[in-house]
Each structure stands twice: as C-alpha cells, then as structure tokens.
C-alpha cells in the first residue's frame, strides 16, 4: 500500500486543500495527520486536525498562517490505523506572494 499527498498552491492567510490518497481505496479506517515543515497542522483552537479516511482518501481545508512567507514548504501526510503499518508521504506546497 502506498500514500500520496497533494497541496494546492496558495498565499499566506489563504485556505488551501491538503489531500492524501491511499493506493487501497477500500480503506475506511484510521486517520491522516498533516504536517507542514515538520509542524503538525492544527485548527484555530490549537487542536491537531485528524482527517478521517473515506474510501482511501482525505481532504482538509487549512488556512495558512499569515506569518508564512512565500516559498516552498514540505507537506507530510502520515497514515495511522490499527492493523496497518504507518505510512508517510511528502509533497511540496508552494506559497506565492
């Protein structure tokens, strides 16, 4: 089983969609945790965003902090589920000014 991730280019302060897809689209268990440059993605209240998997896919709308600067960031998606090995995948997120 493999995991791929994508991130829509955005500007600081804008909402982007983080997506992760497992090669096995029958999986409906477990969760995905996203990180940007090694920092776990959290909601406005500081809680970690855990995306639940449906048919092997998750999508999370995330508002990028306005403190981010234009450039490339590494988005990492980590799949965590009982009875499955932990899987990670990374993609580049480009922030434009």
PDB file of N, CA and C in Angstrom:
ATOM      1  N   UNK A   1       0.854  -1.169   0.000  1.00  0.00           N
ATOM      2  CA  UNK A   1       0.000   0.000   0.000  1.00  0.00           C
ATOM      3  C   UNK A   1       0.899   1.231   0.000  1.00  0.00           C
ATOM      4  N   UNK A   2       0.493   2.239  -0.742  1.00  0.00           N
ATOM      5  CA  UNK A   2       1.249   3.490  -0.793  1.00  0.00           C
ATOM      6  C   UNK A   2       0.332   4.658  -0.485  1.00  0.00           C
ATOM      7  N   UNK A   3       0.946   5.794  -0.182  1.00  0.00           N
ATOM      8  CA  UNK A   3       0.219   7.013   0.160  1.00  0.00           C
ATOM      9  C   UNK A   3       0.776   8.139  -0.685  1.00  0.00           C
ATOM     10  N   UNK A   4      -0.105   8.940  -1.281  1.00  0.00           N
ATOM     11  CA  UNK A   4       0.329  10.137  -1.999  1.00  0.00           C
ATOM     12  C   UNK A   4      -0.371  11.330  -1.376  1.00  0.00           C
ATOM     13  N   UNK A   5       0.234  12.494  -1.512  1.00  0.00           N
ATOM     14  CA  UNK A   5      -0.353  13.704  -0.952  1.00  0.00           C
ATOM     15  C   UNK A   5      -0.219  14.844  -1.955  1.00  0.00           C
ATOM     16  N   UNK A   6      -1.168  15.752  -1.904  1.00  0.00           N
ATOM     17  CA  UNK A   6      -1.114  16.936  -2.753  1.00  0.00           C
ATOM     18  C   UNK A   6      -1.504  18.151  -1.931  1.00  0.00           C
ATOM     19  N   UNK A   7      -1.019  19.296  -2.362  1.00  0.00           N
ATOM     20  CA  UNK A   7      -1.342  20.561  -1.709  1.00  0.00           C
ATOM     21  C   UNK A   7      -1.515  21.614  -2.799  1.00  0.00           C
ATOM     22  N   UNK A   8      -2.594  22.354  -2.723  1.00  0.00           N
ATOM     23  CA  UNK A   8      -2.901  23.380  -3.701  1.00  0.00           C
ATOM     24  C   UNK A   8      -2.072  24.625  -3.429  1.00  0.00           C
ATOM     25  N   UNK A   9      -1.380  25.188  -4.442  1.00  0.00           N
ATOM     26  CA  UNK A   9      -0.626  26.422  -4.220  1.00  0.00           C
ATOM     27  C   UNK A   9      -1.536  27.510  -3.639  1.00  0.00           C
ATOM     28  N   UNK A  10      -0.968  28.339  -2.767  1.00  0.00           N
ATOM     29  CA  UNK A  10      -1.773  29.348  -2.078  1.00  0.00           C
ATOM     30  C   UNK A  10      -0.891  30.517  -1.667  1.00  0.00           C
ATOM     31  N   UNK A  11      -1.518  31.503  -1.033  1.00  0.00           N
ATOM     32  CA  UNK A  11      -0.796  32.626  -0.462  1.00  0.00           C
ATOM     33  C   UNK A  11      -0.967  32.585   1.054  1.00  0.00           C
ATOM     34  N   UNK A  12      -0.023  33.175   1.804  1.00  0.00           N
ATOM     35  CA  UNK A  12      -0.171  33.205   3.260  1.00  0.00           C
ATOM     36  C   UNK A  12      -1.508  33.828   3.654  1.00  0.00           C
ATOM     37  N   UNK A  13      -2.201  33.219   4.617  1.00  0.00           N
ATOM     38  CA  UNK A  13      -3.508  33.691   5.065  1.00  0.00           C
ATOM     39  C   UNK A  13      -4.665  33.109   4.281  1.00  0.00           C
ATOM     40  N   UNK A  14      -4.383  32.434   3.188  1.00  0.00           N
ATOM     41  CA  UNK A  14      -5.411  31.839   2.335  1.00  0.00           C
ATOM     42  C   UNK A  14      -5.649  30.388   2.753  1.00  0.00           C
ATOM     43  N   UNK A  15      -6.832  29.880   2.435  1.00  0.00           N
ATOM     44  CA  UNK A  15      -7.148  28.481   2.707  1.00  0.00           C
ATOM     45  C   UNK A  15      -6.687  27.629   1.536  1.00  0.00           C
ATOM     46  N   UNK A  16      -6.022  26.533   1.855  1.00  0.00           N
ATOM     47  CA  UNK A  16      -5.579  25.576   0.849  1.00  0.00           C
ATOM     48  C   UNK A  16      -6.170  24.217   1.203  1.00  0.00           C
ATOM     49  N   UNK A  17      -6.226  23.325   0.241  1.00  0.00           N
ATOM     50  CA  UNK A  17      -6.727  21.979   0.471  1.00  0.00           C
ATOM     51  C   UNK A  17      -5.556  21.011   0.490  1.00  0.00           C
ATOM     52  N   UNK A  18      -5.430  20.280   1.586  1.00  0.00           N
ATOM     53  CA  UNK A  18      -4.426  19.229   1.713  1.00  0.00           C
ATOM     54  C   UNK A  18      -5.140  17.902   1.485  1.00  0.00           C
ATOM     55  N   UNK A  19      -4.629  17.095   0.572  1.00  0.00           N
ATOM     56  CA  UNK A  19      -5.271  15.837   0.217  1.00  0.00           C
ATOM     57  C   UNK A  19      -4.270  14.696   0.321  1.00  0.00           C
ATOM     58  N   UNK A  20      -4.730  13.564   0.832  1.00  0.00           N
ATOM     59  CA  UNK A  20      -3.913  12.349   0.884  1.00  0.00           C
ATOM     60  C   UNK A  20      -4.751  11.196   0.351  1.00  0.00           C
ATOM     61  N   UNK A  21      -4.114  10.339  -0.445  1.00  0.00           N
ATOM     62  CA  UNK A  21      -4.815   9.210  -1.053  1.00  0.00           C
ATOM     63  C   UNK A  21      -4.004   7.940  -0.856  1.00  0.00           C
ATOM     64  N   UNK A  22      -4.656   6.918  -0.345  1.00  0.00           N
ATOM     65  CA  UNK A  22      -4.037   5.596  -0.207  1.00  0.00           C
ATOM     66  C   UNK A  22      -4.262   4.818  -1.495  1.00  0.00           C
ATOM     67  N   UNK A  23      -3.308   3.964  -1.851  1.00  0.00           N
ATOM     68  CA  UNK A  23      -3.463   3.163  -3.067  1.00  0.00           C
ATOM     69  C   UNK A  23      -4.600   2.153  -2.943  1.00  0.00           C
ATOM     70  N   UNK A  24      -4.983   1.803  -1.721  1.00  0.00           N
ATOM     71  CA  UNK A  24      -6.108   0.898  -1.485  1.00  0.00           C
ATOM     72  C   UNK A  24      -7.339   1.739  -1.155  1.00  0.00           C
ATOM     73  N   UNK A  25      -8.220   1.916  -2.132  1.00  0.00           N
ATOM     74  CA  UNK A  25      -9.387   2.793  -1.933  1.00  0.00           C
ATOM     75  C   UNK A  25     -10.528   2.136  -1.169  1.00  0.00           C
ATOM     76  N   UNK A  26     -10.298   0.944  -0.608  1.00  0.00           N
ATOM     77  CA  UNK A  26     -11.337   0.300   0.206  1.00  0.00           C
ATOM     78  C   UNK A  26     -11.144   0.608   1.689  1.00  0.00           C
ATOM     79  N   UNK A  27     -10.103   1.333   2.032  1.00  0.00           N
ATOM     80  CA  UNK A  27      -9.829   1.621   3.448  1.00  0.00           C
ATOM     81  C   UNK A  27     -10.722   2.750   3.943  1.00  0.00           C
ATOM     82  N   UNK A  28     -11.435   2.474   5.024  1.00  0.00           N
ATOM     83  CA  UNK A  28     -12.320   3.448   5.659  1.00  0.00           C
ATOM     84  C   UNK A  28     -12.053   3.521   7.155  1.00  0.00           C
ATOM     85  N   UNK A  29     -10.837   3.205   7.541  1.00  0.00           N
ATOM     86  CA  UNK A  29     -10.462   3.223   8.945  1.00  0.00           C
ATOM     87  C   UNK A  29      -9.157   3.980   9.097  1.00  0.00           C
ATOM     88  N   UNK A  30      -8.891   4.420  10.294  1.00  0.00           N
ATOM     89  CA  UNK A  30      -7.652   5.140  10.542  1.00  0.00           C
ATOM     90  C   UNK A  30      -7.804   6.627  10.299  1.00  0.00           C
ATOM     91  N   UNK A  31      -6.665   7.308  10.325  1.00  0.00           N
ATOM     92  CA  UNK A  31      -6.688   8.752  10.134  1.00  0.00           C
ATOM     93  C   UNK A  31      -5.381   9.204   9.508  1.00  0.00           C
ATOM     94  N   UNK A  32      -5.410  10.409   9.007  1.00  0.00           N
ATOM     95  CA  UNK A  32      -4.238  11.052   8.416  1.00  0.00           C
ATOM     96  C   UNK A  32      -3.944  12.303   9.230  1.00  0.00           C
ATOM     97  N   UNK A  33      -2.683  12.510   9.519  1.00  0.00           N
ATOM     98  CA  UNK A  33      -2.226  13.728  10.180  1.00  0.00           C
ATOM     99  C   UNK A  33      -1.301  14.437   9.190  1.00  0.00           C
ATOM    100  N   UNK A  34      -1.529  15.730   8.976  1.00  0.00           N
ATOM    101  CA  UNK A  34      -0.691  16.516   8.078  1.00  0.00           C
ATOM    102  C   UNK A  34       0.298  17.347   8.877  1.00  0.00           C
ATOM    103  N   UNK A  35       1.491  17.531   8.314  1.00  0.00           N
ATOM    104  CA  UNK A  35       2.496  18.422   8.880  1.00  0.00           C
ATOM    105  C   UNK A  35       3.015  19.320   7.760  1.00  0.00           C
ATOM    106  N   UNK A  36       3.344  20.545   8.117  1.00  0.00           N
ATOM    107  CA  UNK A  36       3.968  21.469   7.178  1.00  0.00           C
ATOM    108  C   UNK A  36       5.320  21.838   7.774  1.00  0.00           C
ATOM    109  N   UNK A  37       6.384  21.520   7.028  1.00  0.00           N
ATOM    110  CA  UNK A  37       7.762  21.716   7.503  1.00  0.00           C
ATOM    111  C   UNK A  37       7.956  21.142   8.907  1.00  0.00           C
ATOM    112  N   UNK A  38       7.363  19.970   9.140  1.00  0.00           N
ATOM    113  CA  UNK A  38       7.557  19.272  10.405  1.00  0.00           C
ATOM    114  C   UNK A  38       6.627  19.686  11.534  1.00  0.00           C
ATOM    115  N   UNK A  39       5.811  20.718  11.328  1.00  0.00           N
ATOM    116  CA  UNK A  39       4.875  21.162  12.362  1.00  0.00           C
ATOM    117  C   UNK A  39       3.480  20.631  12.055  1.00  0.00           C
ATOM    118  N   UNK A  40       2.876  19.973  13.034  1.00  0.00           N
ATOM    119  CA  UNK A  40       1.550  19.388  12.858  1.00  0.00           C
ATOM    120  C   UNK A  40       0.511  20.469  12.589  1.00  0.00           C
ATOM    121  N   UNK A  41      -0.353  20.222  11.607  1.00  0.00           N
ATOM    122  CA  UNK A  41      -1.417  21.157  11.240  1.00  0.00           C
ATOM    123  C   UNK A  41      -2.482  21.145  12.338  1.00  0.00           C
ATOM    124  N   UNK A  42      -2.824  22.342  12.819  1.00  0.00           N
ATOM    125  CA  UNK A  42      -3.812  22.477  13.894  1.00  0.00           C
ATOM    126  C   UNK A  42      -4.916  23.447  13.477  1.00  0.00           C
ATOM    127  N   UNK A  43      -6.068  23.317  14.141  1.00  0.00           N
ATOM    128  CA  UNK A  43      -7.184  24.215  13.859  1.00  0.00           C
ATOM    129  C   UNK A  43      -6.993  25.542  14.599  1.00  0.00           C
ATOM    130  N   UNK A  44      -7.968  26.438  14.475  1.00  0.00           N
ATOM    131  CA  UNK A  44      -7.886  27.770  15.083  1.00  0.00           C
ATOM    132  C   UNK A  44      -7.791  27.711  16.606  1.00  0.00           C
ATOM    133  N   UNK A  45      -8.244  26.603  17.208  1.00  0.00           N
ATOM    134  CA  UNK A  45      -8.203  26.440  18.668  1.00  0.00           C
ATOM    135  C   UNK A  45      -6.940  25.729  19.148  1.00  0.00           C
ATOM    136  N   UNK A  46      -6.022  25.444  18.228  1.00  0.00           N
ATOM    137  CA  UNK A  46      -4.780  24.774  18.601  1.00  0.00           C
ATOM    138  C   UNK A  46      -4.876  23.270  18.699  1.00  0.00           C
ATOM    139  N   UNK A  47      -5.986  22.695  18.244  1.00  0.00           N
ATOM    140  CA  UNK A  47      -6.177  21.238  18.288  1.00  0.00           C
ATOM    141  C   UNK A  47      -5.652  20.611  16.987  1.00  0.00           C
ATOM    142  N   UNK A  48      -4.976  19.475  17.128  1.00  0.00           N
ATOM    143  CA  UNK A  48      -4.473  18.761  15.962  1.00  0.00           C
ATOM    144  C   UNK A  48      -5.647  18.341  15.079  1.00  0.00           C
ATOM    145  N   UNK A  49      -5.501  18.549  13.783  1.00  0.00           N
ATOM    146  CA  UNK A  49      -6.538  18.151  12.828  1.00  0.00           C
ATOM    147  C   UNK A  49      -6.262  16.715  12.398  1.00  0.00           C
ATOM    148  N   UNK A  50      -7.156  15.804  12.776  1.00  0.00           N
ATOM    149  CA  UNK A  50      -7.083  14.412  12.357  1.00  0.00           C
ATOM    150  C   UNK A  50      -8.129  14.217  11.271  1.00  0.00           C
ATOM    151  N   UNK A  51      -7.700  13.866  10.074  1.00  0.00           N
ATOM    152  CA  UNK A  51      -8.639  13.667   8.975  1.00  0.00           C
ATOM    153  C   UNK A  51      -9.006  12.190   8.886  1.00  0.00           C
ATOM    154  N   UNK A  52     -10.295  11.903   8.954  1.00  0.00           N
ATOM    155  CA  UNK A  52     -10.764  10.519   8.849  1.00  0.00           C
ATOM    156  C   UNK A  52     -10.803  10.097   7.391  1.00  0.00           C
ATOM    157  N   UNK A  53     -10.454   8.847   7.161  1.00  0.00           N
ATOM    158  CA  UNK A  53     -10.341   8.306   5.810  1.00  0.00           C
ATOM    159  C   UNK A  53     -11.677   7.771   5.322  1.00  0.00           C
ATOM    160  N   UNK A  54     -12.029   8.123   4.105  1.00  0.00           N
ATOM    161  CA  UNK A  54     -13.215   7.595   3.441  1.00  0.00           C
ATOM    162  C   UNK A  54     -12.796   7.128   2.055  1.00  0.00           C
ATOM    163  N   UNK A  55     -12.986   5.848   1.792  1.00  0.00           N
ATOM    164  CA  UNK A  55     -12.613   5.252   0.507  1.00  0.00           C
ATOM    165  C   UNK A  55     -11.162   5.558   0.142  1.00  0.00           C
ATOM    166  N   UNK A  56     -10.286   5.502   1.136  1.00  0.00           N
ATOM    167  CA  UNK A  56      -8.860   5.671   0.908  1.00  0.00           C
ATOM    168  C   UNK A  56      -8.390   7.091   0.707  1.00  0.00           C
ATOM    169  N   UNK A  57      -9.272   8.077   0.920  1.00  0.00           N
ATOM    170  CA  UNK A  57      -8.911   9.471   0.645  1.00  0.00           C
ATOM    171  C   UNK A  57      -9.350  10.387   1.777  1.00  0.00           C
ATOM    172  N   UNK A  58      -8.555  11.441   2.008  1.00  0.00           N
ATOM    173  CA  UNK A  58      -8.947  12.511   2.919  1.00  0.00           C
ATOM    174  C   UNK A  58      -8.587  13.845   2.283  1.00  0.00           C
ATOM    175  N   UNK A  59      -9.366  14.855   2.618  1.00  0.00           N
ATOM    176  CA  UNK A  59      -9.068  16.228   2.223  1.00  0.00           C
ATOM    177  C   UNK A  59      -9.349  17.125   3.413  1.00  0.00           C
ATOM    178  N   UNK A  60      -8.452  18.079   3.635  1.00  0.00           N
ATOM    179  CA  UNK A  60      -8.586  19.011   4.743  1.00  0.00           C
ATOM    180  C   UNK A  60      -8.387  20.423   4.206  1.00  0.00           C
ATOM    181  N   UNK A  61      -9.336  21.303   4.479  1.00  0.00           N
ATOM    182  CA  UNK A  61      -9.156  22.714   4.155  1.00  0.00           C
ATOM    183  C   UNK A  61      -8.426  23.345   5.329  1.00  0.00           C
ATOM    184  N   UNK A  62      -7.304  23.995   5.033  1.00  0.00           N
ATOM    185  CA  UNK A  62      -6.454  24.550   6.086  1.00  0.00           C
ATOM    186  C   UNK A  62      -6.069  25.981   5.724  1.00  0.00           C
ATOM    187  N   UNK A  63      -6.305  26.892   6.662  1.00  0.00           N
ATOM    188  CA  UNK A  63      -5.922  28.282   6.454  1.00  0.00           C
ATOM    189  C   UNK A  63      -4.472  28.458   6.871  1.00  0.00           C
ATOM    190  N   UNK A  64      -3.652  28.840   5.910  1.00  0.00           N
ATOM    191  CA  UNK A  64      -2.226  29.015   6.169  1.00  0.00           C
ATOM    192  C   UNK A  64      -1.988  30.249   7.029  1.00  0.00           C
ATOM    193  N   UNK A  65      -1.115  30.156   8.002  1.00  0.00           N
ATOM    194  CA  UNK A  65      -0.823  31.314   8.848  1.00  0.00           C
ATOM    195  C   UNK A  65      -0.309  32.490   8.003  1.00  0.00           C
ATOM    196  N   UNK A  66      -0.719  33.678   8.354  1.00  0.00           N
ATOM    197  CA  UNK A  66      -0.261  34.862   7.634  1.00  0.00           C
ATOM    198  C   UNK A  66       1.225  35.113   7.860  1.00  0.00           C
ATOM    199  N   UNK A  67       1.795  34.481   8.873  1.00  0.00           N
ATOM    200  CA  UNK A  67       3.222  34.638   9.159  1.00  0.00           C
ATOM    201  C   UNK A  67       4.102  33.853   8.188  1.00  0.00           C
ATOM    202  N   UNK A  68       3.509  32.931   7.432  1.00  0.00           N
ATOM    203  CA  UNK A  68       4.288  32.188   6.437  1.00  0.00           C
ATOM    204  C   UNK A  68       4.729  33.141   5.338  1.00  0.00           C
ATOM    205  N   UNK A  69       5.904  32.906   4.814  1.00  0.00           N
ATOM    206  CA  UNK A  69       6.436  33.722   3.734  1.00  0.00           C
ATOM    207  C   UNK A  69       6.349  32.942   2.426  1.00  0.00           C
ATOM    208  N   UNK A  70       6.402  33.655   1.314  1.00  0.00           N
ATOM    209  CA  UNK A  70       6.389  33.000   0.003  1.00  0.00           C
ATOM    210  C   UNK A  70       7.576  32.045  -0.084  1.00  0.00           C
ATOM    211  N   UNK A  71       7.364  30.910  -0.724  1.00  0.00           N
ATOM    212  CA  UNK A  71       8.425  29.910  -0.886  1.00  0.00           C
ATOM    213  C   UNK A  71       7.844  28.515  -0.883  1.00  0.00           C
ATOM    214  N   UNK A  72       8.719  27.545  -0.812  1.00  0.00           N
ATOM    215  CA  UNK A  72       8.304  26.144  -0.827  1.00  0.00           C
ATOM    216  C   UNK A  72       8.323  25.562   0.578  1.00  0.00           C
ATOM    217  N   UNK A  73       7.286  24.806   0.901  1.00  0.00           N
ATOM    218  CA  UNK A  73       7.141  24.146   2.193  1.00  0.00           C
ATOM    219  C   UNK A  73       6.895  22.663   1.934  1.00  0.00           C
ATOM    220  N   UNK A  74       7.334  21.826   2.853  1.00  0.00           N
ATOM    221  CA  UNK A  74       7.114  20.389   2.718  1.00  0.00           C
ATOM    222  C   UNK A  74       5.869  19.996   3.511  1.00  0.00           C
ATOM    223  N   UNK A  75       4.898  19.419   2.814  1.00  0.00           N
ATOM    224  CA  UNK A  75       3.688  18.894   3.453  1.00  0.00           C
ATOM    225  C   UNK A  75       3.864  17.383   3.567  1.00  0.00           C
ATOM    226  N   UNK A  76       3.726  16.874   4.789  1.00  0.00           N
ATOM    227  CA  UNK A  76       3.838  15.439   5.034  1.00  0.00           C
ATOM    228  C   UNK A  76       2.505  14.921   5.547  1.00  0.00           C
ATOM    229  N   UNK A  77       2.034  13.841   4.946  1.00  0.00           N
ATOM    230  CA  UNK A  77       0.816  13.169   5.402  1.00  0.00           C
ATOM    231  C   UNK A  77       1.244  11.847   6.029  1.00  0.00           C
ATOM    232  N   UNK A  78       0.706  11.552   7.223  1.00  0.00           N
ATOM    233  CA  UNK A  78       1.019  10.304   7.915  1.00  0.00           C
ATOM    234  C   UNK A  78      -0.274   9.533   8.143  1.00  0.00           C
ATOM    235  N   UNK A  79      -0.300   8.299   7.652  1.00  0.00           N
ATOM    236  CA  UNK A  79      -1.447   7.399   7.816  1.00  0.00           C
ATOM    237  C   UNK A  79      -1.227   6.578   9.075  1.00  0.00           C
ATOM    238  N   UNK A  80      -2.226   6.614   9.965  1.00  0.00           N
ATOM    239  CA  UNK A  80      -2.166   5.871  11.226  1.00  0.00           C
ATOM    240  C   UNK A  80      -3.466   5.072  11.364  1.00  0.00           C
ATOM    241  N   UNK A  81      -3.331   3.755  11.528  1.00  0.00           N
ATOM    242  CA  UNK A  81      -4.520   2.911  11.704  1.00  0.00           C
ATOM    243  C   UNK A  81      -4.109   1.592  12.350  1.00  0.00           C
ATOM    244  N   UNK A  82      -5.024   1.036  13.180  1.00  0.00           N
ATOM    245  CA  UNK A  82      -4.736  -0.292  13.727  1.00  0.00           C
ATOM    246  C   UNK A  82      -4.698  -1.312  12.585  1.00  0.00           C
ATOM    247  N   UNK A  83      -3.860  -2.302  12.723  1.00  0.00           N
ATOM    248  CA  UNK A  83      -3.742  -3.395  11.747  1.00  0.00           C
ATOM    249  C   UNK A  83      -3.037  -2.992  10.450  1.00  0.00           C
ATOM    250  N   UNK A  84      -2.526  -1.772  10.355  1.00  0.00           N
ATOM    251  CA  UNK A  84      -1.791  -1.332   9.173  1.00  0.00           C
ATOM    252  C   UNK A  84      -0.475  -0.713   9.617  1.00  0.00           C
ATOM    253  N   UNK A  85       0.516  -0.803   8.751  1.00  0.00           N
ATOM    254  CA  UNK A  85       1.768  -0.128   9.014  1.00  0.00           C
ATOM    255  C   UNK A  85       1.578   1.376   8.848  1.00  0.00           C
ATOM    256  N   UNK A  86       2.359   2.134   9.592  1.00  0.00           N
ATOM    257  CA  UNK A  86       2.357   3.595   9.463  1.00  0.00           C
ATOM    258  C   UNK A  86       3.015   3.935   8.120  1.00  0.00           C
ATOM    259  N   UNK A  87       2.396   4.845   7.372  1.00  0.00           N
ATOM    260  CA  UNK A  87       2.915   5.240   6.064  1.00  0.00           C
ATOM    261  C   UNK A  87       2.992   6.762   6.018  1.00  0.00           C
ATOM    262  N   UNK A  88       4.053   7.278   5.409  1.00  0.00           N
ATOM    263  CA  UNK A  88       4.194   8.722   5.237  1.00  0.00           C
ATOM    264  C   UNK A  88       4.473   9.041   3.777  1.00  0.00           C
ATOM    265  N   UNK A  89       4.018  10.213   3.356  1.00  0.00           N
ATOM    266  CA  UNK A  89       4.303  10.722   2.020  1.00  0.00           C
ATOM    267  C   UNK A  89       4.460  12.234   2.127  1.00  0.00           C
ATOM    268  N   UNK A  90       5.310  12.792   1.269  1.00  0.00           N
ATOM    269  CA  UNK A  90       5.545  14.233   1.299  1.00  0.00           C
ATOM    270  C   UNK A  90       5.351  14.844  -0.078  1.00  0.00           C
ATOM    271  N   UNK A  91       5.003  16.117  -0.065  1.00  0.00           N
ATOM    272  CA  UNK A  91       4.783  16.887  -1.295  1.00  0.00           C
ATOM    273  C   UNK A  91       5.203  18.320  -1.009  1.00  0.00           C
ATOM    274  N   UNK A  92       5.531  19.063  -2.040  1.00  0.00           N
ATOM    275  CA  UNK A  92       5.903  20.455  -1.884  1.00  0.00           C
ATOM    276  C   UNK A  92       4.676  21.342  -2.023  1.00  0.00           C
ATOM    277  N   UNK A  93       4.504  22.253  -1.079  1.00  0.00           N
ATOM    278  CA  UNK A  93       3.457  23.266  -1.120  1.00  0.00           C
ATOM    279  C   UNK A  93       4.150  24.583  -1.458  1.00  0.00           C
ATOM    280  N   UNK A  94       3.703  25.236  -2.527  1.00  0.00           N
ATOM    281  CA  UNK A  94       4.295  26.499  -2.927  1.00  0.00           C
ATOM    282  C   UNK A  94       3.401  27.639  -2.485  1.00  0.00           C
ATOM    283  N   UNK A  95       3.981  28.559  -1.707  1.00  0.00           N
ATOM    284  CA  UNK A  95       3.271  29.767  -1.310  1.00  0.00           C
ATOM    285  C   UNK A  95       3.761  30.911  -2.189  1.00  0.00           C
ATOM    286  N   UNK A  96       2.805  31.629  -2.755  1.00  0.00           N
ATOM    287  CA  UNK A  96       3.138  32.739  -3.624  1.00  0.00           C
ATOM    288  C   UNK A  96       2.770  34.051  -2.949  1.00  0.00           C
ATOM    289  N   UNK A  97       3.500  35.085  -3.287  1.00  0.00           N
ATOM    290  CA  UNK A  97       3.267  36.396  -2.660  1.00  0.00           C
ATOM    291  C   UNK A  97       2.067  37.075  -3.263  1.00  0.00           C
TER     292      UNK A  97
END
